[in-house]
Amino acid sequence: MTETKPTILIVEDDLDIADMLTAYFRVQDYEVLTVNWGEDGIRAAQSNTPDLIILDIRLPDIDGFEVARRLRTNRKTRTIPIIFLTEKRARDDRLKGLELQADDYITKPFDIQELRLRVRNTLQRASQRPLTSPITGLPEGTLLDEALINAIAHRRNILLVVSLQHIEPFREVYGFVAADDMLRAVALLLRDVVRDYGSASDFLGQLSPTDFLIITLPENAPGLKERVRKQLERSFDFFYSDRHRDSNSFQGQKLAVQIGELSLLNSPLNSLSAVKSELERYCKPT
């Protein structure tokens, strides 16, 4: 059986560098996709889901940081490893990259052998990533899929999607660290609610960076929905400074929650892909 080649997406506006990297990594037995604009890079990542992205920070339309930010907030692309290419060893570039959870960066002009090793090592680390969210510690990926497959097989569960709203305005004002702290606090609150108002068999997982999934029994669902909504709505103000707690701040874009419900009882949905596609309807833009 032939092993699938890893795919690298190169987002680089310097055509000479882009051509050189493309030729080199193809010789190294990688599949390579190349684009020269940031918006094209986002589209290519969403349509092809590469194994790794080499991303120049300086691009003609939007910078690499904006590309990375948008990839990290999309369920399909948020876990793709990113190596930044930067023209200088600027401290603020490195810090901004770390905030966006960049996996590595390398400075131009770079040693192609060093970049090859960084690509190899980043791909190895990515293949060994845990099955839980690095921010909240909740099950995601394969673990979440297994829980859904089990629920589909039993046909007796209710799926609750807890979708956080307006995280991006919060992140823009308070930064990535505060946003991650808020997500961790929400995850802890949800754990407590599921433990206290659910059943021992209930499941809590991370559907996306801003969406949580609760798999519960029909008799638990109404109480869980009510308790989750009340607890979160009471808690959101505590994440803001005093000057932002006024209801008129953030132009009506303060943190909020929406809860969607999908019943698997007598449901025509009989596959993991069908259920996940249906769940996506409840995951609103943030």
C-alpha atoms as a PDB file:
ATOM      1  CA  MET A   1       0.000   0.000   0.000  1.00  0.00           C
ATOM      2  CA  THR A   2       1.439   3.384  -1.051  1.00  0.00           C
ATOM      3  CA  GLU A   3       1.860   5.872   1.781  1.00  0.00           C
ATOM      4  CA  THR A   4       0.210   9.232   1.166  1.00  0.00           C
ATOM      5  CA  LYS A   5       2.669  12.078   0.779  1.00  0.00           C
ATOM      6  CA  PRO A   6       2.344  14.950   3.277  1.00  0.00           C
ATOM      7  CA  THR A   7       0.974  18.114   1.670  1.00  0.00           C
ATOM      8  CA  ILE A   8       2.606  21.496   2.249  1.00  0.00           C
ATOM      9  CA  LEU A   9       0.858  24.765   1.404  1.00  0.00           C
ATOM     10  CA  ILE A  10       3.319  27.595   0.695  1.00  0.00           C
ATOM     11  CA  VAL A  11       1.955  31.145   0.982  1.00  0.00           C
ATOM     12  CA  GLU A  12       4.735  33.379  -0.363  1.00  0.00           C
ATOM     13  CA  ASP A  13       4.516  36.460  -2.596  1.00  0.00           C
ATOM     14  CA  ASP A  14       8.175  36.388  -3.683  1.00  0.00           C
ATOM     15  CA  LEU A  15       7.916  34.247  -6.818  1.00  0.00           C
ATOM     16  CA  ASP A  16      11.589  33.223  -6.776  1.00  0.00           C
ATOM     17  CA  ILE A  17      11.350  31.969  -3.192  1.00  0.00           C
ATOM     18  CA  ALA A  18       7.992  30.301  -3.865  1.00  0.00           C
ATOM     19  CA  ASP A  19       9.358  28.472  -6.926  1.00  0.00           C
ATOM     20  CA  MET A  20      12.502  27.418  -5.088  1.00  0.00           C
ATOM     21  CA  LEU A  21      10.549  26.032  -2.114  1.00  0.00           C
ATOM     22  CA  THR A  22       8.094  24.250  -4.391  1.00  0.00           C
ATOM     23  CA  ALA A  23      10.842  22.524  -6.379  1.00  0.00           C
ATOM     24  CA  TYR A  24      12.838  21.630  -3.275  1.00  0.00           C
ATOM     25  CA  PHE A  25      10.009  20.093  -1.257  1.00  0.00           C
ATOM     26  CA  ARG A  26       8.700  18.142  -4.236  1.00  0.00           C
ATOM     27  CA  VAL A  27      12.128  16.533  -4.545  1.00  0.00           C
ATOM     28  CA  GLN A  28      11.863  15.774  -0.807  1.00  0.00           C
ATOM     29  CA  ASP A  29       8.699  13.756  -1.594  1.00  0.00           C
ATOM     30  CA  TYR A  30       6.053  16.241  -0.456  1.00  0.00           C
ATOM     31  CA  GLU A  31       2.942  17.310  -2.295  1.00  0.00           C
ATOM     32  CA  VAL A  32       3.210  21.091  -2.637  1.00  0.00           C
ATOM     33  CA  LEU A  33       0.575  23.770  -3.206  1.00  0.00           C
ATOM     34  CA  THR A  34       1.692  27.367  -3.749  1.00  0.00           C
ATOM     35  CA  VAL A  35      -0.208  30.664  -3.609  1.00  0.00           C
ATOM     36  CA  ASN A  36       1.057  34.243  -3.504  1.00  0.00           C
ATOM     37  CA  TRP A  37      -1.728  36.105  -1.675  1.00  0.00           C
ATOM     38  CA  GLY A  38      -3.096  35.768   1.835  1.00  0.00           C
ATOM     39  CA  GLU A  39      -6.746  35.430   0.815  1.00  0.00           C
ATOM     40  CA  ASP A  40      -5.770  32.710  -1.663  1.00  0.00           C
ATOM     41  CA  GLY A  41      -3.895  30.959   1.142  1.00  0.00           C
ATOM     42  CA  ILE A  42      -7.022  30.870   3.311  1.00  0.00           C
ATOM     43  CA  ARG A  43      -9.097  29.461   0.460  1.00  0.00           C
ATOM     44  CA  ALA A  44      -6.445  26.873  -0.412  1.00  0.00           C
ATOM     45  CA  ALA A  45      -6.186  25.729   3.213  1.00  0.00           C
ATOM     46  CA  GLN A  46      -9.954  25.379   3.533  1.00  0.00           C
ATOM     47  CA  SER A  47     -10.381  23.459   0.273  1.00  0.00           C
ATOM     48  CA  ASN A  48      -7.293  21.214   0.494  1.00  0.00           C
ATOM     49  CA  THR A  49      -6.563  20.869   4.251  1.00  0.00           C
ATOM     50  CA  PRO A  50      -2.759  20.601   3.926  1.00  0.00           C
ATOM     51  CA  ASP A  51      -0.634  18.878   6.556  1.00  0.00           C
ATOM     52  CA  LEU A  52       1.473  22.014   7.094  1.00  0.00           C
ATOM     53  CA  ILE A  53       1.556  25.654   5.968  1.00  0.00           C
ATOM     54  CA  ILE A  54       4.696  27.702   5.312  1.00  0.00           C
ATOM     55  CA  LEU A  55       3.403  31.260   5.653  1.00  0.00           C
ATOM     56  CA  ASP A  56       5.190  34.511   4.851  1.00  0.00           C
ATOM     57  CA  ILE A  57       4.319  37.311   7.256  1.00  0.00           C
ATOM     58  CA  ARG A  58       4.586  40.072   4.618  1.00  0.00           C
ATOM     59  CA  LEU A  59       1.978  39.538   1.903  1.00  0.00           C
ATOM     60  CA  PRO A  60       0.497  41.992  -0.624  1.00  0.00           C
ATOM     61  CA  ASP A  61      -3.132  41.870   0.533  1.00  0.00           C
ATOM     62  CA  ILE A  62      -3.404  40.781   4.189  1.00  0.00           C
ATOM     63  CA  ASP A  63      -0.460  39.893   6.387  1.00  0.00           C
ATOM     64  CA  GLY A  64       0.409  36.391   7.521  1.00  0.00           C
ATOM     65  CA  PHE A  65      -0.843  37.110  11.036  1.00  0.00           C
ATOM     66  CA  GLU A  66      -4.351  37.785   9.718  1.00  0.00           C
ATOM     67  CA  VAL A  67      -4.170  34.624   7.601  1.00  0.00           C
ATOM     68  CA  ALA A  68      -3.175  32.598  10.673  1.00  0.00           C
ATOM     69  CA  ARG A  69      -5.846  34.229  12.839  1.00  0.00           C
ATOM     70  CA  ARG A  70      -8.584  33.307  10.377  1.00  0.00           C
ATOM     71  CA  LEU A  71      -7.277  29.779   9.941  1.00  0.00           C
ATOM     72  CA  ARG A  72      -7.188  29.301  13.718  1.00  0.00           C
ATOM     73  CA  THR A  73     -10.835  30.329  14.079  1.00  0.00           C
ATOM     74  CA  ASN A  74     -12.065  27.907  11.395  1.00  0.00           C
ATOM     75  CA  ARG A  75     -12.951  24.391  12.514  1.00  0.00           C
ATOM     76  CA  LYS A  76     -11.487  22.785   9.402  1.00  0.00           C
ATOM     77  CA  THR A  77      -8.114  24.554   9.493  1.00  0.00           C
ATOM     78  CA  ARG A  78      -7.496  25.423  13.135  1.00  0.00           C
ATOM     79  CA  THR A  79      -5.105  22.530  13.862  1.00  0.00           C
ATOM     80  CA  ILE A  80      -2.962  22.783  10.704  1.00  0.00           C
ATOM     81  CA  PRO A  81       0.662  23.466  11.768  1.00  0.00           C
ATOM     82  CA  ILE A  82       2.028  26.833  10.623  1.00  0.00           C
ATOM     83  CA  ILE A  83       5.666  27.854  10.127  1.00  0.00           C
ATOM     84  CA  PHE A  84       6.074  31.615   9.697  1.00  0.00           C
ATOM     85  CA  LEU A  85       8.640  33.131   7.336  1.00  0.00           C
ATOM     86  CA  THR A  86       9.791  36.534   8.549  1.00  0.00           C
ATOM     87  CA  GLU A  87      12.321  39.017   7.188  1.00  0.00           C
ATOM     88  CA  LYS A  88      13.699  40.058  10.555  1.00  0.00           C
ATOM     89  CA  ARG A  89      14.150  38.770  14.054  1.00  0.00           C
ATOM     90  CA  ALA A  90      11.612  41.210  15.404  1.00  0.00           C
ATOM     91  CA  ARG A  91      10.480  40.431  18.934  1.00  0.00           C
ATOM     92  CA  ASP A  92       6.952  41.651  18.240  1.00  0.00           C
ATOM     93  CA  ASP A  93       6.698  39.324  15.227  1.00  0.00           C
ATOM     94  CA  ARG A  94       7.676  36.355  17.371  1.00  0.00           C
ATOM     95  CA  LEU A  95       5.264  37.325  20.138  1.00  0.00           C
ATOM     96  CA  LYS A  96       2.421  37.828  17.681  1.00  0.00           C
ATOM     97  CA  GLY A  97       3.177  34.439  16.163  1.00  0.00           C
ATOM     98  CA  LEU A  98       3.109  32.799  19.574  1.00  0.00           C
ATOM     99  CA  GLU A  99      -0.244  34.421  20.340  1.00  0.00           C
ATOM    100  CA  LEU A 100      -1.591  32.845  17.153  1.00  0.00           C
ATOM    101  CA  GLN A 101      -0.193  29.455  18.196  1.00  0.00           C
ATOM    102  CA  ALA A 102       2.370  29.321  15.385  1.00  0.00           C
ATOM    103  CA  ASP A 103       4.297  26.064  15.504  1.00  0.00           C
ATOM    104  CA  ASP A 104       7.620  27.577  14.391  1.00  0.00           C
ATOM    105  CA  TYR A 105       9.173  30.460  12.495  1.00  0.00           C
ATOM    106  CA  ILE A 106      12.316  30.971  10.437  1.00  0.00           C
ATOM    107  CA  THR A 107      14.026  34.185   9.372  1.00  0.00           C
ATOM    108  CA  LYS A 108      14.881  35.151   5.791  1.00  0.00           C
ATOM    109  CA  PRO A 109      17.359  34.556   4.284  1.00  0.00           C
ATOM    110  CA  PHE A 110      17.031  31.003   5.586  1.00  0.00           C
ATOM    111  CA  ASP A 111      19.026  27.811   5.232  1.00  0.00           C
ATOM    112  CA  ILE A 112      16.892  25.425   3.172  1.00  0.00           C
ATOM    113  CA  GLN A 113      18.215  22.430   5.120  1.00  0.00           C
ATOM    114  CA  GLU A 114      17.192  24.067   8.390  1.00  0.00           C
ATOM    115  CA  LEU A 115      13.714  24.725   7.002  1.00  0.00           C
ATOM    116  CA  ARG A 116      13.474  21.089   5.852  1.00  0.00           C
ATOM    117  CA  LEU A 117      14.287  19.892   9.381  1.00  0.00           C
ATOM    118  CA  ARG A 118      11.802  22.317  10.910  1.00  0.00           C
ATOM    119  CA  VAL A 119       9.102  21.057   8.547  1.00  0.00           C
ATOM    120  CA  ARG A 120       9.910  17.435   9.374  1.00  0.00           C
ATOM    121  CA  ASN A 121       9.946  18.053  13.134  1.00  0.00           C
ATOM    122  CA  THR A 122       6.723  20.082  13.062  1.00  0.00           C
ATOM    123  CA  LEU A 123       4.927  17.328  11.146  1.00  0.00           C
ATOM    124  CA  GLN A 124       6.180  14.735  13.631  1.00  0.00           C
ATOM    125  CA  ARG A 125       4.921  16.806  16.572  1.00  0.00           C
ATOM    126  CA  ALA A 126       1.565  17.318  14.865  1.00  0.00           C
ATOM    127  CA  SER A 127       1.117  13.567  14.411  1.00  0.00           C
ATOM    128  CA  GLN A 128       1.615  13.072  18.155  1.00  0.00           C
ATOM    129  CA  ARG A 129      -0.767  15.787  19.359  1.00  0.00           C
ATOM    130  CA  PRO A 130      -3.090  14.776  22.187  1.00  0.00           C
ATOM    131  CA  LEU A 131      -6.764  14.105  21.594  1.00  0.00           C
ATOM    132  CA  THR A 132      -7.831  16.931  23.883  1.00  0.00           C
ATOM    133  CA  SER A 133      -8.005  20.684  23.369  1.00  0.00           C
ATOM    134  CA  PRO A 134      -4.719  22.361  24.385  1.00  0.00           C
ATOM    135  CA  ILE A 135      -6.733  25.255  25.829  1.00  0.00           C
ATOM    136  CA  THR A 136      -9.623  23.616  27.703  1.00  0.00           C
ATOM    137  CA  GLY A 137      -8.433  20.029  28.067  1.00  0.00           C
ATOM    138  CA  LEU A 138     -11.779  18.767  26.741  1.00  0.00           C
ATOM    139  CA  PRO A 139     -11.959  15.814  24.321  1.00  0.00           C
ATOM    140  CA  GLU A 140     -11.925  16.774  20.654  1.00  0.00           C
ATOM    141  CA  GLY A 141     -11.068  15.204  17.313  1.00  0.00           C
ATOM    142  CA  THR A 142     -11.048  11.416  17.409  1.00  0.00           C
ATOM    143  CA  LEU A 143     -12.359  11.215  20.980  1.00  0.00           C
ATOM    144  CA  LEU A 144     -15.315  13.427  20.126  1.00  0.00           C
ATOM    145  CA  ASP A 145     -15.992  11.425  16.962  1.00  0.00           C
ATOM    146  CA  GLU A 146     -16.000   8.185  18.954  1.00  0.00           C
ATOM    147  CA  ALA A 147     -18.543   9.627  21.402  1.00  0.00           C
ATOM    148  CA  LEU A 148     -20.766  10.699  18.503  1.00  0.00           C
ATOM    149  CA  ILE A 149     -20.503   7.295  16.806  1.00  0.00           C
ATOM    150  CA  ASN A 150     -21.573   5.640  20.046  1.00  0.00           C
ATOM    151  CA  ALA A 151     -24.513   8.044  20.402  1.00  0.00           C
ATOM    152  CA  ILE A 152     -25.601   7.410  16.804  1.00  0.00           C
ATOM    153  CA  ALA A 153     -25.519   3.657  17.410  1.00  0.00           C
ATOM    154  CA  HIS A 154     -27.698   3.876  20.544  1.00  0.00           C
ATOM    155  CA  ARG A 155     -30.248   6.342  19.084  1.00  0.00           C
ATOM    156  CA  ARG A 156     -31.339   7.629  22.479  1.00  0.00           C
ATOM    157  CA  ASN A 157     -29.289  10.766  23.067  1.00  0.00           C
ATOM    158  CA  ILE A 158     -29.816  14.496  22.802  1.00  0.00           C
ATOM    159  CA  LEU A 159     -26.915  16.567  21.440  1.00  0.00           C
ATOM    160  CA  LEU A 160     -26.556  20.086  22.839  1.00  0.00           C
ATOM    161  CA  VAL A 161     -24.279  22.552  21.053  1.00  0.00           C
ATOM    162  CA  VAL A 162     -23.172  25.384  23.342  1.00  0.00           C
ATOM    163  CA  SER A 163     -21.993  28.127  20.981  1.00  0.00           C
ATOM    164  CA  LEU A 164     -20.165  31.177  22.349  1.00  0.00           C
ATOM    165  CA  GLN A 165     -20.864  34.421  20.500  1.00  0.00           C
ATOM    166  CA  HIS A 166     -18.774  37.561  19.907  1.00  0.00           C
ATOM    167  CA  ILE A 167     -15.433  36.124  21.004  1.00  0.00           C
ATOM    168  CA  GLU A 168     -13.550  38.002  18.286  1.00  0.00           C
ATOM    169  CA  PRO A 169     -14.437  41.515  19.587  1.00  0.00           C
ATOM    170  CA  PHE A 170     -13.453  40.333  23.078  1.00  0.00           C
ATOM    171  CA  ARG A 171     -10.139  38.957  21.787  1.00  0.00           C
ATOM    172  CA  GLU A 172      -9.347  42.146  19.883  1.00  0.00           C
ATOM    173  CA  VAL A 173      -9.667  44.246  23.046  1.00  0.00           C
ATOM    174  CA  TYR A 174      -8.260  41.902  25.699  1.00  0.00           C
ATOM    175  CA  GLY A 175      -5.877  39.719  23.681  1.00  0.00           C
ATOM    176  CA  PHE A 176      -5.419  36.019  23.057  1.00  0.00           C
ATOM    177  CA  VAL A 177      -4.322  35.160  26.594  1.00  0.00           C
ATOM    178  CA  ALA A 178      -7.482  36.628  28.142  1.00  0.00           C
ATOM    179  CA  ALA A 179      -9.638  34.917  25.502  1.00  0.00           C
ATOM    180  CA  ASP A 180      -8.012  31.558  26.247  1.00  0.00           C
ATOM    181  CA  ASP A 181      -8.498  32.116  29.980  1.00  0.00           C
ATOM    182  CA  MET A 182     -12.166  32.828  29.331  1.00  0.00           C
ATOM    183  CA  LEU A 183     -12.549  29.609  27.307  1.00  0.00           C
ATOM    184  CA  ARG A 184     -10.911  27.607  30.094  1.00  0.00           C
ATOM    185  CA  ALA A 185     -13.296  29.132  32.627  1.00  0.00           C
ATOM    186  CA  VAL A 186     -16.296  28.309  30.420  1.00  0.00           C
ATOM    187  CA  ALA A 187     -15.094  24.712  30.074  1.00  0.00           C
ATOM    188  CA  LEU A 188     -14.794  24.381  33.859  1.00  0.00           C
ATOM    189  CA  LEU A 189     -18.283  25.797  34.312  1.00  0.00           C
ATOM    190  CA  LEU A 190     -19.697  23.350  31.761  1.00  0.00           C
ATOM    191  CA  ARG A 191     -17.944  20.438  33.472  1.00  0.00           C
ATOM    192  CA  ASP A 192     -19.549  21.407  36.771  1.00  0.00           C
ATOM    193  CA  VAL A 193     -23.017  21.760  35.238  1.00  0.00           C
ATOM    194  CA  VAL A 194     -22.820  18.421  33.400  1.00  0.00           C
ATOM    195  CA  ARG A 195     -21.573  16.719  36.553  1.00  0.00           C
ATOM    196  CA  ASP A 196     -24.265  18.208  38.778  1.00  0.00           C
ATOM    197  CA  TYR A 197     -27.271  18.131  36.426  1.00  0.00           C
ATOM    198  CA  GLY A 198     -26.458  15.357  33.965  1.00  0.00           C
ATOM    199  CA  SER A 199     -25.862  11.614  34.175  1.00  0.00           C
ATOM    200  CA  ALA A 200     -22.674   9.630  34.640  1.00  0.00           C
ATOM    201  CA  SER A 201     -22.857   8.638  30.966  1.00  0.00           C
ATOM    202  CA  ASP A 202     -23.020  12.231  29.695  1.00  0.00           C
ATOM    203  CA  PHE A 203     -20.202  13.486  27.466  1.00  0.00           C
ATOM    204  CA  LEU A 204     -18.697  16.978  27.229  1.00  0.00           C
ATOM    205  CA  GLY A 205     -16.335  17.782  24.366  1.00  0.00           C
ATOM    206  CA  GLN A 206     -14.909  20.572  22.228  1.00  0.00           C
ATOM    207  CA  LEU A 207     -16.638  20.782  18.855  1.00  0.00           C
ATOM    208  CA  SER A 208     -14.625  23.831  17.729  1.00  0.00           C
ATOM    209  CA  PRO A 209     -12.589  26.553  19.472  1.00  0.00           C
ATOM    210  CA  THR A 210     -15.817  28.342  20.457  1.00  0.00           C
ATOM    211  CA  ASP A 211     -18.386  25.527  20.401  1.00  0.00           C
ATOM    212  CA  PHE A 212     -18.904  22.815  22.995  1.00  0.00           C
ATOM    213  CA  LEU A 213     -20.858  19.575  22.662  1.00  0.00           C
ATOM    214  CA  ILE A 214     -22.875  17.877  25.397  1.00  0.00           C
ATOM    215  CA  ILE A 215     -24.231  14.383  24.729  1.00  0.00           C
ATOM    216  CA  THR A 216     -26.950  13.648  27.250  1.00  0.00           C
ATOM    217  CA  LEU A 217     -30.209  11.760  27.828  1.00  0.00           C
ATOM    218  CA  PRO A 218     -33.617  13.235  26.919  1.00  0.00           C
ATOM    219  CA  GLU A 219     -34.657  13.624  30.545  1.00  0.00           C
ATOM    220  CA  ASN A 220     -31.517  15.673  31.323  1.00  0.00           C
ATOM    221  CA  ALA A 221     -31.544  17.988  28.307  1.00  0.00           C
ATOM    222  CA  PRO A 222     -34.047  20.678  29.446  1.00  0.00           C
ATOM    223  CA  GLY A 223     -32.380  21.146  32.832  1.00  0.00           C
ATOM    224  CA  LEU A 224     -28.892  21.229  31.331  1.00  0.00           C
ATOM    225  CA  LYS A 225     -29.889  23.820  28.738  1.00  0.00           C
ATOM    226  CA  GLU A 226     -31.458  26.090  31.326  1.00  0.00           C
ATOM    227  CA  ARG A 227     -28.599  25.750  33.798  1.00  0.00           C
ATOM    228  CA  VAL A 228     -25.866  26.263  31.187  1.00  0.00           C
ATOM    229  CA  ARG A 229     -27.558  29.368  29.826  1.00  0.00           C
ATOM    230  CA  LYS A 230     -28.113  30.921  33.259  1.00  0.00           C
ATOM    231  CA  GLN A 231     -24.621  30.140  34.541  1.00  0.00           C
ATOM    232  CA  LEU A 232     -22.880  31.498  31.461  1.00  0.00           C
ATOM    233  CA  GLU A 233     -24.987  34.649  31.239  1.00  0.00           C
ATOM    234  CA  ARG A 234     -24.198  35.381  34.892  1.00  0.00           C
ATOM    235  CA  SER A 235     -20.487  34.788  34.316  1.00  0.00           C
ATOM    236  CA  PHE A 236     -19.751  36.770  31.158  1.00  0.00           C
ATOM    237  CA  ASP A 237     -19.531  40.186  32.841  1.00  0.00           C
ATOM    238  CA  PHE A 238     -16.711  38.976  35.081  1.00  0.00           C
ATOM    239  CA  PHE A 239     -14.434  38.624  32.041  1.00  0.00           C
ATOM    240  CA  TYR A 240     -14.678  42.367  31.321  1.00  0.00           C
ATOM    241  CA  SER A 241     -13.013  45.281  33.073  1.00  0.00           C
ATOM    242  CA  ASP A 242     -15.264  47.669  35.003  1.00  0.00           C
ATOM    243  CA  ARG A 243     -15.397  50.215  32.166  1.00  0.00           C
ATOM    244  CA  HIS A 244     -16.684  47.593  29.722  1.00  0.00           C
ATOM    245  CA  ARG A 245     -19.407  46.083  31.886  1.00  0.00           C
ATOM    246  CA  ASP A 246     -21.929  48.655  30.745  1.00  0.00           C
ATOM    247  CA  SER A 247     -24.475  47.076  28.410  1.00  0.00           C
ATOM    248  CA  ASN A 248     -23.745  49.725  25.750  1.00  0.00           C
ATOM    249  CA  SER A 249     -20.056  48.866  25.454  1.00  0.00           C
ATOM    250  CA  PHE A 250     -18.707  46.747  22.581  1.00  0.00           C
ATOM    251  CA  GLN A 251     -21.566  48.053  20.384  1.00  0.00           C
ATOM    252  CA  GLY A 252     -23.832  45.185  21.344  1.00  0.00           C
ATOM    253  CA  GLN A 253     -21.135  42.617  20.592  1.00  0.00           C
ATOM    254  CA  LYS A 254     -20.498  41.366  24.115  1.00  0.00           C
ATOM    255  CA  LEU A 255     -20.046  37.705  24.960  1.00  0.00           C
ATOM    256  CA  ALA A 256     -23.234  35.677  24.656  1.00  0.00           C
ATOM    257  CA  VAL A 257     -24.335  32.062  24.294  1.00  0.00           C
ATOM    258  CA  GLN A 258     -26.637  30.170  21.966  1.00  0.00           C
ATOM    259  CA  ILE A 259     -27.627  26.567  22.615  1.00  0.00           C
ATOM    260  CA  GLY A 260     -28.751  24.295  19.798  1.00  0.00           C
ATOM    261  CA  GLU A 261     -30.408  20.916  20.303  1.00  0.00           C
ATOM    262  CA  LEU A 262     -30.348  17.865  18.035  1.00  0.00           C
ATOM    263  CA  SER A 263     -32.253  14.724  18.979  1.00  0.00           C
ATOM    264  CA  LEU A 264     -31.006  11.355  17.761  1.00  0.00           C
ATOM    265  CA  LEU A 265     -34.266   9.650  18.748  1.00  0.00           C
ATOM    266  CA  ASN A 266     -35.843   8.371  15.516  1.00  0.00           C
ATOM    267  CA  SER A 267     -33.421  10.560  13.583  1.00  0.00           C
ATOM    268  CA  PRO A 268     -32.754   9.835   9.883  1.00  0.00           C
ATOM    269  CA  LEU A 269     -29.128  10.828  10.465  1.00  0.00           C
ATOM    270  CA  ASN A 270     -27.207   7.564  10.524  1.00  0.00           C
ATOM    271  CA  SER A 271     -23.588   8.514   9.885  1.00  0.00           C
ATOM    272  CA  LEU A 272     -20.932  10.562  11.648  1.00  0.00           C
ATOM    273  CA  SER A 273     -20.544  12.927   8.698  1.00  0.00           C
ATOM    274  CA  ALA A 274     -24.296  13.553   8.515  1.00  0.00           C
ATOM    275  CA  VAL A 275     -24.561  14.299  12.236  1.00  0.00           C
ATOM    276  CA  LYS A 276     -21.510  16.594  12.231  1.00  0.00           C
ATOM    277  CA  SER A 277     -22.853  18.436   9.205  1.00  0.00           C
ATOM    278  CA  GLU A 278     -26.138  18.988  11.046  1.00  0.00           C
ATOM    279  CA  LEU A 279     -24.304  20.155  14.175  1.00  0.00           C
ATOM    280  CA  GLU A 280     -22.456  22.773  12.137  1.00  0.00           C
ATOM    281  CA  ARG A 281     -25.747  24.624  11.665  1.00  0.00           C
ATOM    282  CA  TYR A 282     -25.651  25.494  15.358  1.00  0.00           C
ATOM    283  CA  CYS A 283     -22.075  26.756  15.291  1.00  0.00           C
ATOM    284  CA  LYS A 284     -22.586  30.441  14.628  1.00  0.00           C
ATOM    285  CA  PRO A 285     -19.916  32.941  13.503  1.00  0.00           C
ATOM    286  CA  THR A 286     -18.137  34.565  16.439  1.00  0.00           C
END
